[in-house]
């Protein structure tokens, strides 16, 4: 899996706006916004999300999980998850494939 250093390198070295750059930016935002300490790498966030969601990491399951969160106590999780949902929108050009999993998008 890609590392945070590789994401930063991709962002800093992209001369044009690309889907890859936008996905990298959103993934870094999701990592930074997740409220648990010691999450600094994409694989750590993926593991945490798997523990939280207890299902495939696809668009539908993220939406379902978001509906269970409380804005007052889960604001940073909501922020992080919105960045992840944006990754799905970028990858699928707004026509979200609800079955594609986050890990598959990140391997591209």
N, C-alpha and C. Protein backbone atom coordinates (compact mmCIF):
# COMPACT_ATOMS: atom_id res chain seq x y z
N UNK A 1 0.84 -1.18 0.00
CA UNK A 1 0.00 0.00 0.00
C UNK A 1 0.88 1.24 0.00
N UNK A 2 0.38 2.29 -0.59
CA UNK A 2 1.11 3.55 -0.66
C UNK A 2 1.33 4.12 0.74
N UNK A 3 2.41 4.85 0.91
CA UNK A 3 2.73 5.45 2.20
C UNK A 3 2.38 6.94 2.19
N UNK A 4 2.35 7.54 3.35
CA UNK A 4 2.11 8.98 3.44
C UNK A 4 3.20 9.77 2.74
N UNK A 5 4.44 9.32 2.85
CA UNK A 5 5.55 10.00 2.16
C UNK A 5 5.35 9.97 0.65
N UNK A 6 4.90 8.84 0.14
CA UNK A 6 4.63 8.74 -1.31
C UNK A 6 3.46 9.63 -1.72
N UNK A 7 2.45 9.76 -0.87
CA UNK A 7 1.33 10.65 -1.16
C UNK A 7 1.79 12.10 -1.23
N UNK A 8 2.61 12.49 -0.27
CA UNK A 8 3.14 13.86 -0.24
C UNK A 8 3.99 14.12 -1.48
N UNK A 9 4.82 13.17 -1.84
CA UNK A 9 5.66 13.29 -3.03
C UNK A 9 4.80 13.45 -4.28
N UNK A 10 3.75 12.65 -4.38
CA UNK A 10 2.84 12.74 -5.53
C UNK A 10 2.21 14.12 -5.62
N UNK A 11 1.75 14.64 -4.49
CA UNK A 11 1.11 15.96 -4.46
C UNK A 11 2.11 17.06 -4.83
N UNK A 12 3.29 17.01 -4.24
CA UNK A 12 4.28 18.06 -4.46
C UNK A 12 4.86 18.04 -5.87
N UNK A 13 4.91 16.88 -6.49
CA UNK A 13 5.53 16.77 -7.81
C UNK A 13 4.55 16.77 -8.97
N UNK A 14 3.26 16.88 -8.69
CA UNK A 14 2.27 16.95 -9.76
C UNK A 14 2.19 18.39 -10.24
N UNK A 15 2.44 18.57 -11.52
CA UNK A 15 2.39 19.93 -12.08
C UNK A 15 0.98 20.31 -12.51
N UNK A 16 0.12 19.34 -12.68
CA UNK A 16 -1.26 19.62 -13.06
C UNK A 16 -2.20 18.93 -12.08
N UNK A 17 -3.43 19.37 -12.09
CA UNK A 17 -4.44 18.71 -11.25
C UNK A 17 -4.84 17.41 -11.93
N UNK A 18 -4.63 16.32 -11.25
CA UNK A 18 -4.99 15.00 -11.76
C UNK A 18 -5.85 14.30 -10.72
N UNK A 19 -6.52 13.25 -11.16
CA UNK A 19 -7.29 12.45 -10.21
C UNK A 19 -6.39 11.86 -9.14
N UNK A 20 -5.21 11.41 -9.53
CA UNK A 20 -4.27 10.83 -8.57
C UNK A 20 -3.89 11.83 -7.49
N UNK A 21 -3.63 13.06 -7.91
CA UNK A 21 -3.26 14.10 -6.96
C UNK A 21 -4.44 14.41 -6.03
N UNK A 22 -5.63 14.52 -6.58
CA UNK A 22 -6.81 14.82 -5.77
C UNK A 22 -7.10 13.68 -4.78
N UNK A 23 -6.94 12.45 -5.23
CA UNK A 23 -7.13 11.30 -4.33
C UNK A 23 -6.09 11.33 -3.22
N UNK A 24 -4.84 11.62 -3.56
CA UNK A 24 -3.78 11.69 -2.56
C UNK A 24 -4.08 12.77 -1.52
N UNK A 25 -4.53 13.93 -1.98
CA UNK A 25 -4.86 15.02 -1.06
C UNK A 25 -6.00 14.63 -0.12
N UNK A 26 -7.02 14.01 -0.67
CA UNK A 26 -8.16 13.60 0.16
C UNK A 26 -7.78 12.49 1.14
N UNK A 27 -6.92 11.59 0.71
CA UNK A 27 -6.49 10.52 1.61
C UNK A 27 -5.67 11.09 2.77
N UNK A 28 -4.78 12.02 2.49
CA UNK A 28 -4.00 12.65 3.56
C UNK A 28 -4.91 13.42 4.52
N UNK A 29 -5.91 14.10 3.97
CA UNK A 29 -6.88 14.80 4.82
C UNK A 29 -7.62 13.82 5.72
N UNK A 30 -8.03 12.68 5.15
CA UNK A 30 -8.75 11.68 5.93
C UNK A 30 -7.88 11.15 7.06
N UNK A 31 -6.61 10.91 6.78
CA UNK A 31 -5.68 10.43 7.81
C UNK A 31 -5.51 11.48 8.90
N UNK A 32 -5.31 12.72 8.48
CA UNK A 32 -5.08 13.80 9.46
C UNK A 32 -6.32 14.09 10.30
N UNK A 33 -7.51 13.95 9.71
CA UNK A 33 -8.75 14.27 10.42
C UNK A 33 -9.23 13.15 11.34
N UNK A 34 -8.81 11.91 11.08
CA UNK A 34 -9.28 10.81 11.92
C UNK A 34 -8.86 11.07 13.36
N UNK A 35 -9.78 11.00 14.32
CA UNK A 35 -9.49 11.46 15.68
C UNK A 35 -8.58 10.57 16.52
N UNK A 36 -8.29 9.38 16.11
CA UNK A 36 -7.43 8.49 16.90
C UNK A 36 -5.96 8.88 16.69
N UNK A 37 -5.23 8.96 17.79
CA UNK A 37 -3.80 9.27 17.69
C UNK A 37 -3.04 8.10 17.07
N UNK A 38 -1.87 8.39 16.59
CA UNK A 38 -0.95 7.40 16.03
C UNK A 38 -1.43 6.79 14.72
N UNK A 39 -2.29 7.47 14.01
CA UNK A 39 -2.64 7.04 12.65
C UNK A 39 -1.99 8.05 11.72
N UNK A 40 -0.96 7.59 11.02
CA UNK A 40 -0.24 8.49 10.13
C UNK A 40 -0.02 7.90 8.74
N UNK A 41 -0.40 6.65 8.57
CA UNK A 41 -0.21 5.97 7.29
C UNK A 41 -1.54 5.44 6.75
N UNK A 42 -1.68 5.37 5.43
CA UNK A 42 -2.92 4.87 4.85
C UNK A 42 -3.32 3.48 5.37
N UNK A 43 -2.36 2.57 5.51
CA UNK A 43 -2.70 1.22 5.97
C UNK A 43 -3.24 1.24 7.41
N UNK A 44 -2.77 2.17 8.22
CA UNK A 44 -3.28 2.31 9.59
C UNK A 44 -4.73 2.80 9.59
N UNK A 45 -5.03 3.74 8.70
CA UNK A 45 -6.40 4.23 8.58
C UNK A 45 -7.31 3.12 8.07
N UNK A 46 -6.86 2.38 7.08
CA UNK A 46 -7.65 1.26 6.54
C UNK A 46 -7.97 0.27 7.65
N UNK A 47 -6.99 -0.09 8.45
CA UNK A 47 -7.22 -1.03 9.56
C UNK A 47 -8.23 -0.47 10.55
N UNK A 48 -8.10 0.78 10.87
CA UNK A 48 -9.03 1.43 11.81
C UNK A 48 -10.45 1.45 11.23
N UNK A 49 -10.56 1.75 9.95
CA UNK A 49 -11.88 1.79 9.31
C UNK A 49 -12.52 0.40 9.28
N UNK A 50 -11.72 -0.61 9.02
CA UNK A 50 -12.24 -1.98 9.03
C UNK A 50 -12.77 -2.35 10.41
N UNK A 51 -12.07 -1.93 11.45
CA UNK A 51 -12.53 -2.18 12.82
C UNK A 51 -13.82 -1.43 13.14
N UNK A 52 -13.92 -0.22 12.65
CA UNK A 52 -15.09 0.60 12.94
C UNK A 52 -16.33 0.16 12.15
N UNK A 53 -16.14 -0.15 10.88
CA UNK A 53 -17.26 -0.43 9.99
C UNK A 53 -17.67 -1.91 10.02
N UNK A 54 -16.72 -2.79 10.26
CA UNK A 54 -17.01 -4.22 10.31
C UNK A 54 -17.67 -4.75 9.04
N UNK A 55 -17.26 -4.24 7.93
CA UNK A 55 -17.81 -4.65 6.65
C UNK A 55 -16.83 -4.19 5.56
N UNK A 56 -17.17 -4.48 4.31
CA UNK A 56 -16.34 -4.02 3.20
C UNK A 56 -16.25 -2.49 3.22
N UNK A 57 -15.11 -1.98 2.82
CA UNK A 57 -14.92 -0.53 2.78
C UNK A 57 -15.36 0.01 1.43
N UNK A 58 -16.66 -0.03 1.19
CA UNK A 58 -17.21 0.51 -0.05
C UNK A 58 -18.10 1.72 0.25
N UNK A 59 -18.51 2.39 -0.79
CA UNK A 59 -19.26 3.64 -0.66
C UNK A 59 -20.51 3.46 0.20
N UNK A 60 -21.29 2.45 -0.09
CA UNK A 60 -22.54 2.22 0.65
C UNK A 60 -22.29 2.03 2.14
N UNK A 61 -21.27 1.26 2.47
CA UNK A 61 -20.99 1.01 3.89
C UNK A 61 -20.47 2.25 4.59
N UNK A 62 -19.74 3.10 3.88
CA UNK A 62 -19.31 4.36 4.48
C UNK A 62 -20.52 5.25 4.75
N UNK A 63 -21.44 5.31 3.80
CA UNK A 63 -22.66 6.12 3.98
C UNK A 63 -23.46 5.59 5.18
N UNK A 64 -23.62 4.29 5.25
CA UNK A 64 -24.36 3.69 6.37
C UNK A 64 -23.68 4.01 7.70
N UNK A 65 -22.37 3.90 7.74
CA UNK A 65 -21.62 4.19 8.96
C UNK A 65 -21.76 5.67 9.34
N UNK A 66 -21.69 6.54 8.35
CA UNK A 66 -21.84 7.98 8.62
C UNK A 66 -23.17 8.28 9.31
N UNK A 67 -24.21 7.57 8.92
CA UNK A 67 -25.55 7.80 9.49
C UNK A 67 -25.62 7.43 10.96
N UNK A 68 -24.68 6.63 11.44
CA UNK A 68 -24.68 6.22 12.85
C UNK A 68 -23.91 7.21 13.74
N UNK A 69 -23.20 8.14 13.13
CA UNK A 69 -22.35 9.06 13.88
C UNK A 69 -23.12 10.28 14.35
N UNK A 70 -22.66 10.84 15.45
CA UNK A 70 -23.25 12.04 16.04
C UNK A 70 -22.32 13.22 15.76
N UNK A 71 -22.86 14.26 15.17
CA UNK A 71 -22.05 15.42 14.78
C UNK A 71 -21.31 16.03 15.97
N UNK A 72 -21.95 16.07 17.11
CA UNK A 72 -21.34 16.70 18.28
C UNK A 72 -20.14 15.93 18.81
N UNK A 73 -20.19 14.61 18.77
CA UNK A 73 -19.06 13.85 19.32
C UNK A 73 -18.19 13.19 18.27
N UNK A 74 -18.63 13.14 17.04
CA UNK A 74 -17.89 12.45 15.98
C UNK A 74 -17.53 13.36 14.80
N UNK A 75 -17.41 14.65 15.06
CA UNK A 75 -17.18 15.61 13.97
C UNK A 75 -15.94 15.28 13.14
N UNK A 76 -14.85 14.89 13.80
CA UNK A 76 -13.61 14.61 13.07
C UNK A 76 -13.72 13.32 12.25
N UNK A 77 -14.43 12.34 12.78
CA UNK A 77 -14.66 11.12 11.99
C UNK A 77 -15.48 11.46 10.75
N UNK A 78 -16.50 12.29 10.93
CA UNK A 78 -17.35 12.68 9.81
C UNK A 78 -16.53 13.42 8.76
N UNK A 79 -15.67 14.32 9.21
CA UNK A 79 -14.78 15.06 8.29
C UNK A 79 -13.90 14.10 7.52
N UNK A 80 -13.30 13.16 8.22
CA UNK A 80 -12.42 12.18 7.60
C UNK A 80 -13.18 11.33 6.58
N UNK A 81 -14.35 10.87 6.96
CA UNK A 81 -15.15 10.03 6.07
C UNK A 81 -15.63 10.80 4.84
N UNK A 82 -15.89 12.08 4.99
CA UNK A 82 -16.27 12.88 3.82
C UNK A 82 -15.12 12.98 2.82
N UNK A 83 -13.89 13.04 3.31
CA UNK A 83 -12.73 13.02 2.41
C UNK A 83 -12.64 11.68 1.69
N UNK A 84 -12.94 10.61 2.40
CA UNK A 84 -12.93 9.28 1.77
C UNK A 84 -14.02 9.16 0.72
N UNK A 85 -15.20 9.67 1.03
CA UNK A 85 -16.29 9.63 0.04
C UNK A 85 -15.92 10.43 -1.21
N UNK A 86 -15.18 11.50 -1.02
CA UNK A 86 -14.72 12.29 -2.16
C UNK A 86 -13.77 11.47 -3.04
N UNK A 87 -12.97 10.60 -2.44
CA UNK A 87 -12.09 9.72 -3.21
C UNK A 87 -12.92 8.84 -4.15
N UNK A 88 -14.02 8.30 -3.64
CA UNK A 88 -14.90 7.49 -4.49
C UNK A 88 -15.47 8.32 -5.64
N UNK A 89 -15.88 9.55 -5.34
CA UNK A 89 -16.45 10.42 -6.39
C UNK A 89 -15.41 10.76 -7.46
N UNK A 90 -14.20 11.04 -7.03
CA UNK A 90 -13.13 11.36 -7.97
C UNK A 90 -12.82 10.15 -8.85
N UNK A 91 -12.68 9.00 -8.23
CA UNK A 91 -12.31 7.78 -8.96
C UNK A 91 -13.36 7.38 -9.98
N UNK A 92 -14.61 7.64 -9.69
CA UNK A 92 -15.69 7.18 -10.57
C UNK A 92 -16.34 8.33 -11.34
N UNK A 93 -15.69 9.48 -11.36
CA UNK A 93 -16.22 10.65 -12.08
C UNK A 93 -17.66 10.95 -11.72
N UNK A 94 -17.94 10.99 -10.42
CA UNK A 94 -19.24 11.32 -9.86
C UNK A 94 -20.29 10.21 -10.00
N UNK A 95 -20.09 9.22 -10.87
CA UNK A 95 -21.01 8.09 -10.99
C UNK A 95 -20.48 6.97 -10.11
N UNK A 96 -20.73 7.10 -8.82
CA UNK A 96 -20.10 6.23 -7.83
C UNK A 96 -20.51 4.78 -8.01
N UNK A 97 -19.51 3.92 -8.11
CA UNK A 97 -19.71 2.48 -8.09
C UNK A 97 -19.78 2.09 -6.62
N UNK A 98 -20.97 1.78 -6.14
CA UNK A 98 -21.16 1.56 -4.71
C UNK A 98 -20.49 0.28 -4.21
N UNK A 99 -20.08 -0.58 -5.13
CA UNK A 99 -19.46 -1.85 -4.73
C UNK A 99 -17.93 -1.81 -4.70
N UNK A 100 -17.32 -0.85 -5.40
CA UNK A 100 -15.85 -0.80 -5.42
C UNK A 100 -15.35 -0.49 -4.01
N UNK A 101 -14.27 -1.15 -3.62
CA UNK A 101 -13.74 -0.97 -2.27
C UNK A 101 -12.57 0.00 -2.26
N UNK A 102 -12.43 0.69 -1.15
CA UNK A 102 -11.40 1.72 -1.01
C UNK A 102 -10.02 1.17 -1.31
N UNK A 103 -9.71 -0.02 -0.83
CA UNK A 103 -8.38 -0.60 -1.07
C UNK A 103 -8.09 -0.75 -2.56
N UNK A 104 -9.09 -1.09 -3.32
CA UNK A 104 -8.90 -1.25 -4.78
C UNK A 104 -8.58 0.09 -5.43
N UNK A 105 -9.26 1.14 -4.99
CA UNK A 105 -8.99 2.47 -5.53
C UNK A 105 -7.56 2.87 -5.20
N UNK A 106 -7.13 2.61 -3.98
CA UNK A 106 -5.80 3.05 -3.54
C UNK A 106 -4.66 2.26 -4.17
N UNK A 107 -4.95 1.09 -4.71
CA UNK A 107 -3.91 0.30 -5.36
C UNK A 107 -3.62 0.78 -6.76
N UNK A 108 -4.48 1.61 -7.31
CA UNK A 108 -4.28 2.08 -8.70
C UNK A 108 -3.13 3.06 -8.80
